[in-house]
């Protein structure tokens, strides 16, 4: 298998992980800003960000496992 195809899940997973962390921090900051306005507001990070984190981790793990496959 060409090395570019072996590395692409790792790169995609790393980029997705960076996007997930950036979005998580942005949402956390917005939640804090809203909570400063009123104590009656309840907010939390949604499932979409956690799904993105899990997908990024699985893509990286899958890419590493593909690189470890024995060559024919």
PDB file of N, CA and C in Angstrom:
ATOM      1  N   UNK A   1       0.848  -1.170   0.000  1.00  0.00           N
ATOM      2  CA  UNK A   1       0.000   0.000   0.000  1.00  0.00           C
ATOM      3  C   UNK A   1       0.898   1.240   0.000  1.00  0.00           C
ATOM      4  N   UNK A   2       0.593   2.234  -0.821  1.00  0.00           N
ATOM      5  CA  UNK A   2       1.426   3.436  -0.856  1.00  0.00           C
ATOM      6  C   UNK A   2       1.445   4.142   0.506  1.00  0.00           C
ATOM      7  N   UNK A   3       2.580   4.724   0.819  1.00  0.00           N
ATOM      8  CA  UNK A   3       2.724   5.355   2.132  1.00  0.00           C
ATOM      9  C   UNK A   3       1.806   6.558   2.297  1.00  0.00           C
ATOM     10  N   UNK A   4       1.469   7.238   1.204  1.00  0.00           N
ATOM     11  CA  UNK A   4       0.546   8.370   1.324  1.00  0.00           C
ATOM     12  C   UNK A   4      -0.809   7.913   1.823  1.00  0.00           C
ATOM     13  N   UNK A   5      -1.295   6.782   1.311  1.00  0.00           N
ATOM     14  CA  UNK A   5      -2.574   6.250   1.776  1.00  0.00           C
ATOM     15  C   UNK A   5      -2.483   5.732   3.205  1.00  0.00           C
ATOM     16  N   UNK A   6      -1.321   5.264   3.607  1.00  0.00           N
ATOM     17  CA  UNK A   6      -1.157   4.784   4.977  1.00  0.00           C
ATOM     18  C   UNK A   6      -1.156   5.955   5.958  1.00  0.00           C
ATOM     19  N   UNK A   7      -0.620   7.095   5.547  1.00  0.00           N
ATOM     20  CA  UNK A   7      -0.535   8.243   6.450  1.00  0.00           C
ATOM     21  C   UNK A   7      -1.799   9.093   6.460  1.00  0.00           C
ATOM     22  N   UNK A   8      -2.639   8.990   5.445  1.00  0.00           N
ATOM     23  CA  UNK A   8      -3.781   9.893   5.348  1.00  0.00           C
ATOM     24  C   UNK A   8      -4.760   9.783   6.521  1.00  0.00           C
ATOM     25  N   UNK A   9      -5.061   8.600   7.073  1.00  0.00           N
ATOM     26  CA  UNK A   9      -5.947   8.577   8.244  1.00  0.00           C
ATOM     27  C   UNK A   9      -5.311   9.239   9.465  1.00  0.00           C
ATOM     28  N   UNK A  10      -4.022   9.135   9.597  1.00  0.00           N
ATOM     29  CA  UNK A  10      -3.342   9.755  10.732  1.00  0.00           C
ATOM     30  C   UNK A  10      -3.415  11.270  10.620  1.00  0.00           C
ATOM     31  N   UNK A  11      -3.156  11.784   9.425  1.00  0.00           N
ATOM     32  CA  UNK A  11      -3.207  13.231   9.208  1.00  0.00           C
ATOM     33  C   UNK A  11      -4.633  13.741   9.379  1.00  0.00           C
ATOM     34  N   UNK A  12      -5.590  13.032   8.797  1.00  0.00           N
ATOM     35  CA  UNK A  12      -6.995  13.431   8.924  1.00  0.00           C
ATOM     36  C   UNK A  12      -7.451  13.381  10.379  1.00  0.00           C
ATOM     37  N   UNK A  13      -7.039  12.356  11.092  1.00  0.00           N
ATOM     38  CA  UNK A  13      -7.383  12.257  12.511  1.00  0.00           C
ATOM     39  C   UNK A  13      -6.767  13.367  13.334  1.00  0.00           C
ATOM     40  N   UNK A  14      -5.521  13.722  13.023  1.00  0.00           N
ATOM     41  CA  UNK A  14      -4.861  14.807  13.755  1.00  0.00           C
ATOM     42  C   UNK A  14      -5.557  16.139  13.486  1.00  0.00           C
ATOM     43  N   UNK A  15      -5.915  16.383  12.239  1.00  0.00           N
ATOM     44  CA  UNK A  15      -6.620  17.631  11.910  1.00  0.00           C
ATOM     45  C   UNK A  15      -7.991  17.657  12.591  1.00  0.00           C
ATOM     46  N   UNK A  16      -8.687  16.536  12.572  1.00  0.00           N
ATOM     47  CA  UNK A  16      -9.987  16.452  13.243  1.00  0.00           C
ATOM     48  C   UNK A  16      -9.843  16.666  14.749  1.00  0.00           C
ATOM     49  N   UNK A  17      -8.783  16.139  15.314  1.00  0.00           N
ATOM     50  CA  UNK A  17      -8.528  16.340  16.743  1.00  0.00           C
ATOM     51  C   UNK A  17      -8.280  17.800  17.075  1.00  0.00           C
ATOM     52  N   UNK A  18      -7.530  18.485  16.216  1.00  0.00           N
ATOM     53  CA  UNK A  18      -7.281  19.914  16.427  1.00  0.00           C
ATOM     54  C   UNK A  18      -8.585  20.701  16.337  1.00  0.00           C
ATOM     55  N   UNK A  19      -9.412  20.355  15.354  1.00  0.00           N
ATOM     56  CA  UNK A  19     -10.717  21.020  15.214  1.00  0.00           C
ATOM     57  C   UNK A  19     -11.580  20.757  16.449  1.00  0.00           C
ATOM     58  N   UNK A  20     -11.571  19.528  16.944  1.00  0.00           N
ATOM     59  CA  UNK A  20     -12.377  19.174  18.116  1.00  0.00           C
ATOM     60  C   UNK A  20     -11.937  19.956  19.346  1.00  0.00           C
ATOM     61  N   UNK A  21     -10.640  20.032  19.571  1.00  0.00           N
ATOM     62  CA  UNK A  21     -10.133  20.762  20.744  1.00  0.00           C
ATOM     63  C   UNK A  21     -10.457  22.247  20.623  1.00  0.00           C
ATOM     64  N   UNK A  22     -10.275  22.805  19.432  1.00  0.00           N
ATOM     65  CA  UNK A  22     -10.585  24.214  19.220  1.00  0.00           C
ATOM     66  C   UNK A  22     -12.061  24.498  19.464  1.00  0.00           C
ATOM     67  N   UNK A  23     -12.927  23.653  18.916  1.00  0.00           N
ATOM     68  CA  UNK A  23     -14.362  23.832  19.125  1.00  0.00           C
ATOM     69  C   UNK A  23     -14.747  23.655  20.587  1.00  0.00           C
ATOM     70  N   UNK A  24     -14.149  22.677  21.247  1.00  0.00           N
ATOM     71  CA  UNK A  24     -14.443  22.445  22.663  1.00  0.00           C
ATOM     72  C   UNK A  24     -14.093  23.675  23.494  1.00  0.00           C
ATOM     73  N   UNK A  25     -12.910  24.216  23.266  1.00  0.00           N
ATOM     74  CA  UNK A  25     -12.493  25.405  24.025  1.00  0.00           C
ATOM     75  C   UNK A  25     -13.392  26.598  23.720  1.00  0.00           C
ATOM     76  N   UNK A  26     -13.787  26.747  22.465  1.00  0.00           N
ATOM     77  CA  UNK A  26     -14.671  27.844  22.078  1.00  0.00           C
ATOM     78  C   UNK A  26     -16.031  27.712  22.751  1.00  0.00           C
ATOM     79  N   UNK A  27     -16.581  26.505  22.764  1.00  0.00           N
ATOM     80  CA  UNK A  27     -17.883  26.284  23.393  1.00  0.00           C
ATOM     81  C   UNK A  27     -17.783  26.497  24.905  1.00  0.00           C
ATOM     82  N   UNK A  28     -16.721  26.025  25.510  1.00  0.00           N
ATOM     83  CA  UNK A  28     -16.541  26.227  26.951  1.00  0.00           C
ATOM     84  C   UNK A  28     -16.479  27.719  27.295  1.00  0.00           C
ATOM     85  N   UNK A  29     -15.784  28.491  26.467  1.00  0.00           N
ATOM     86  CA  UNK A  29     -15.687  29.932  26.704  1.00  0.00           C
ATOM     87  C   UNK A  29     -17.058  30.592  26.575  1.00  0.00           C
ATOM     88  N   UNK A  30     -17.820  30.179  25.576  1.00  0.00           N
ATOM     89  CA  UNK A  30     -19.164  30.741  25.403  1.00  0.00           C
ATOM     90  C   UNK A  30     -20.075  30.367  26.564  1.00  0.00           C
ATOM     91  N   UNK A  31     -19.940  29.156  27.053  1.00  0.00           N
ATOM     92  CA  UNK A  31     -20.736  28.738  28.208  1.00  0.00           C
ATOM     93  C   UNK A  31     -20.402  29.597  29.414  1.00  0.00           C
ATOM     94  N   UNK A  32     -19.132  29.836  29.652  1.00  0.00           N
ATOM     95  CA  UNK A  32     -18.731  30.684  30.783  1.00  0.00           C
ATOM     96  C   UNK A  32     -19.250  32.106  30.625  1.00  0.00           C
ATOM     97  N   UNK A  33     -19.196  32.625  29.398  1.00  0.00           N
ATOM     98  CA  UNK A  33     -19.711  33.977  29.150  1.00  0.00           C
ATOM     99  C   UNK A  33     -21.201  34.062  29.445  1.00  0.00           C
ATOM    100  N   UNK A  34     -21.960  33.038  29.039  1.00  0.00           N
ATOM    101  CA  UNK A  34     -23.405  33.038  29.270  1.00  0.00           C
ATOM    102  C   UNK A  34     -23.705  32.873  30.750  1.00  0.00           C
ATOM    103  N   UNK A  35     -22.948  32.043  31.434  1.00  0.00           N
ATOM    104  CA  UNK A  35     -23.187  31.835  32.872  1.00  0.00           C
ATOM    105  C   UNK A  35     -22.885  33.091  33.686  1.00  0.00           C
ATOM    106  N   UNK A  36     -22.001  33.931  33.194  1.00  0.00           N
ATOM    107  CA  UNK A  36     -21.731  35.190  33.885  1.00  0.00           C
ATOM    108  C   UNK A  36     -22.923  36.134  33.788  1.00  0.00           C
ATOM    109  N   UNK A  37     -23.713  35.993  32.723  1.00  0.00           N
ATOM    110  CA  UNK A  37     -24.894  36.837  32.540  1.00  0.00           C
ATOM    111  C   UNK A  37     -26.008  36.458  33.511  1.00  0.00           C
ATOM    112  N   UNK A  38     -26.194  35.158  33.706  1.00  0.00           N
ATOM    113  CA  UNK A  38     -27.278  34.711  34.568  1.00  0.00           C
ATOM    114  C   UNK A  38     -26.944  33.336  35.141  1.00  0.00           C
ATOM    115  N   UNK A  39     -27.290  33.154  36.404  1.00  0.00           N
ATOM    116  CA  UNK A  39     -27.080  31.861  37.064  1.00  0.00           C
ATOM    117  C   UNK A  39     -28.169  30.852  36.689  1.00  0.00           C
ATOM    118  N   UNK A  40     -29.221  31.308  36.041  1.00  0.00           N
ATOM    119  CA  UNK A  40     -30.345  30.431  35.694  1.00  0.00           C
ATOM    120  C   UNK A  40     -30.099  29.642  34.418  1.00  0.00           C
ATOM    121  N   UNK A  41     -29.042  29.948  33.702  1.00  0.00           N
ATOM    122  CA  UNK A  41     -28.766  29.305  32.423  1.00  0.00           C
ATOM    123  C   UNK A  41     -27.920  28.056  32.652  1.00  0.00           C
ATOM    124  N   UNK A  42     -28.364  26.956  32.063  1.00  0.00           N
ATOM    125  CA  UNK A  42     -27.610  25.703  32.124  1.00  0.00           C
ATOM    126  C   UNK A  42     -27.191  25.332  30.705  1.00  0.00           C
ATOM    127  N   UNK A  43     -25.910  25.083  30.522  1.00  0.00           N
ATOM    128  CA  UNK A  43     -25.400  24.727  29.200  1.00  0.00           C
ATOM    129  C   UNK A  43     -24.231  23.763  29.369  1.00  0.00           C
ATOM    130  N   UNK A  44     -24.012  22.950  28.332  1.00  0.00           N
ATOM    131  CA  UNK A  44     -22.885  22.024  28.350  1.00  0.00           C
ATOM    132  C   UNK A  44     -22.456  21.729  26.925  1.00  0.00           C
ATOM    133  N   UNK A  45     -21.340  21.065  26.800  1.00  0.00           N
ATOM    134  CA  UNK A  45     -20.812  20.688  25.494  1.00  0.00           C
ATOM    135  C   UNK A  45     -21.683  19.574  24.925  1.00  0.00           C
ATOM    136  N   UNK A  46     -22.039  19.697  23.651  1.00  0.00           N
ATOM    137  CA  UNK A  46     -22.937  18.731  23.021  1.00  0.00           C
ATOM    138  C   UNK A  46     -22.236  17.465  22.564  1.00  0.00           C
ATOM    139  N   UNK A  47     -23.042  16.526  22.130  1.00  0.00           N
ATOM    140  CA  UNK A  47     -22.534  15.224  21.704  1.00  0.00           C
ATOM    141  C   UNK A  47     -21.717  15.307  20.422  1.00  0.00           C
ATOM    142  N   UNK A  48     -21.951  16.316  19.597  1.00  0.00           N
ATOM    143  CA  UNK A  48     -21.225  16.441  18.338  1.00  0.00           C
ATOM    144  C   UNK A  48     -19.733  16.602  18.523  1.00  0.00           C
ATOM    145  N   UNK A  49     -19.349  17.377  19.512  1.00  0.00           N
ATOM    146  CA  UNK A  49     -17.909  17.574  19.761  1.00  0.00           C
ATOM    147  C   UNK A  49     -17.289  16.282  20.278  1.00  0.00           C
ATOM    148  N   UNK A  50     -17.996  15.580  21.153  1.00  0.00           N
ATOM    149  CA  UNK A  50     -17.455  14.327  21.662  1.00  0.00           C
ATOM    150  C   UNK A  50     -17.368  13.275  20.554  1.00  0.00           C
ATOM    151  N   UNK A  51     -18.335  13.290  19.627  1.00  0.00           N
ATOM    152  CA  UNK A  51     -18.281  12.380  18.484  1.00  0.00           C
ATOM    153  C   UNK A  51     -17.072  12.685  17.612  1.00  0.00           C
ATOM    154  N   UNK A  52     -16.785  13.964  17.432  1.00  0.00           N
ATOM    155  CA  UNK A  52     -15.612  14.373  16.654  1.00  0.00           C
ATOM    156  C   UNK A  52     -14.318  13.898  17.324  1.00  0.00           C
ATOM    157  N   UNK A  53     -14.247  13.981  18.638  1.00  0.00           N
ATOM    158  CA  UNK A  53     -13.057  13.521  19.370  1.00  0.00           C
ATOM    159  C   UNK A  53     -12.882  12.008  19.193  1.00  0.00           C
ATOM    160  N   UNK A  54     -13.967  11.260  19.353  1.00  0.00           N
ATOM    161  CA  UNK A  54     -13.886   9.796  19.210  1.00  0.00           C
ATOM    162  C   UNK A  54     -13.488   9.420  17.784  1.00  0.00           C
ATOM    163  N   UNK A  55     -14.060  10.102  16.799  1.00  0.00           N
ATOM    164  CA  UNK A  55     -13.706   9.839  15.406  1.00  0.00           C
ATOM    165  C   UNK A  55     -12.251  10.131  15.116  1.00  0.00           C
ATOM    166  N   UNK A  56     -11.736  11.218  15.674  1.00  0.00           N
ATOM    167  CA  UNK A  56     -10.323  11.557  15.475  1.00  0.00           C
ATOM    168  C   UNK A  56      -9.406  10.493  16.073  1.00  0.00           C
ATOM    169  N   UNK A  57      -9.737  10.041  17.276  1.00  0.00           N
ATOM    170  CA  UNK A  57      -8.922   9.009  17.927  1.00  0.00           C
ATOM    171  C   UNK A  57      -8.973   7.705  17.126  1.00  0.00           C
ATOM    172  N   UNK A  58     -10.158   7.329  16.674  1.00  0.00           N
ATOM    173  CA  UNK A  58     -10.278   6.088  15.901  1.00  0.00           C
ATOM    174  C   UNK A  58      -9.539   6.176  14.567  1.00  0.00           C
ATOM    175  N   UNK A  59      -9.563   7.340  13.935  1.00  0.00           N
ATOM    176  CA  UNK A  59      -8.835   7.513  12.666  1.00  0.00           C
ATOM    177  C   UNK A  59      -7.329   7.380  12.883  1.00  0.00           C
ATOM    178  N   UNK A  60      -6.827   7.963  13.949  1.00  0.00           N
ATOM    179  CA  UNK A  60      -5.385   7.872  14.232  1.00  0.00           C
ATOM    180  C   UNK A  60      -4.999   6.433  14.553  1.00  0.00           C
ATOM    181  N   UNK A  61      -5.790   5.774  15.393  1.00  0.00           N
ATOM    182  CA  UNK A  61      -5.498   4.378  15.746  1.00  0.00           C
ATOM    183  C   UNK A  61      -5.559   3.498  14.498  1.00  0.00           C
ATOM    184  N   UNK A  62      -6.568   3.698  13.666  1.00  0.00           N
ATOM    185  CA  UNK A  62      -6.680   2.919  12.433  1.00  0.00           C
ATOM    186  C   UNK A  62      -5.502   3.149  11.504  1.00  0.00           C
ATOM    187  N   UNK A  63      -5.060   4.411  11.385  1.00  0.00           N
ATOM    188  CA  UNK A  63      -3.903   4.707  10.544  1.00  0.00           C
ATOM    189  C   UNK A  63      -2.632   4.061  11.053  1.00  0.00           C
ATOM    190  N   UNK A  64      -2.465   4.048  12.359  1.00  0.00           N
ATOM    191  CA  UNK A  64      -1.280   3.407  12.943  1.00  0.00           C
ATOM    192  C   UNK A  64      -1.332   1.898  12.718  1.00  0.00           C
ATOM    193  N   UNK A  65      -2.510   1.315  12.885  1.00  0.00           N
ATOM    194  CA  UNK A  65      -2.635  -0.133  12.668  1.00  0.00           C
ATOM    195  C   UNK A  65      -2.390  -0.515  11.213  1.00  0.00           C
ATOM    196  N   UNK A  66      -2.828   0.313  10.275  1.00  0.00           N
ATOM    197  CA  UNK A  66      -2.587   0.026   8.861  1.00  0.00           C
ATOM    198  C   UNK A  66      -1.097   0.066   8.557  1.00  0.00           C
ATOM    199  N   UNK A  67      -0.390   0.981   9.174  1.00  0.00           N
ATOM    200  CA  UNK A  67       1.066   1.064   8.951  1.00  0.00           C
ATOM    201  C   UNK A  67       1.790  -0.146   9.525  1.00  0.00           C
ATOM    202  N   UNK A  68       1.204  -0.790  10.539  1.00  0.00           N
ATOM    203  CA  UNK A  68       1.838  -1.946  11.171  1.00  0.00           C
ATOM    204  C   UNK A  68       1.556  -3.259  10.437  1.00  0.00           C
ATOM    205  N   UNK A  69       0.652  -3.238   9.443  1.00  0.00           N
ATOM    206  CA  UNK A  69       0.344  -4.464   8.709  1.00  0.00           C
ATOM    207  C   UNK A  69       1.589  -4.994   8.015  1.00  0.00           C
ATOM    208  N   UNK A  70       1.728  -6.315   7.970  1.00  0.00           N
ATOM    209  CA  UNK A  70       2.890  -6.877   7.254  1.00  0.00           C
ATOM    210  C   UNK A  70       2.782  -6.597   5.749  1.00  0.00           C
ATOM    211  N   UNK A  71       3.902  -6.308   5.157  1.00  0.00           N
ATOM    212  CA  UNK A  71       3.931  -6.025   3.716  1.00  0.00           C
ATOM    213  C   UNK A  71       3.986  -7.345   2.953  1.00  0.00           C
ATOM    214  N   UNK A  72       3.195  -7.438   1.856  1.00  0.00           N
ATOM    215  CA  UNK A  72       3.160  -8.707   1.097  1.00  0.00           C
ATOM    216  C   UNK A  72       4.444  -8.944   0.342  1.00  0.00           C
TER     217      UNK A  72
END
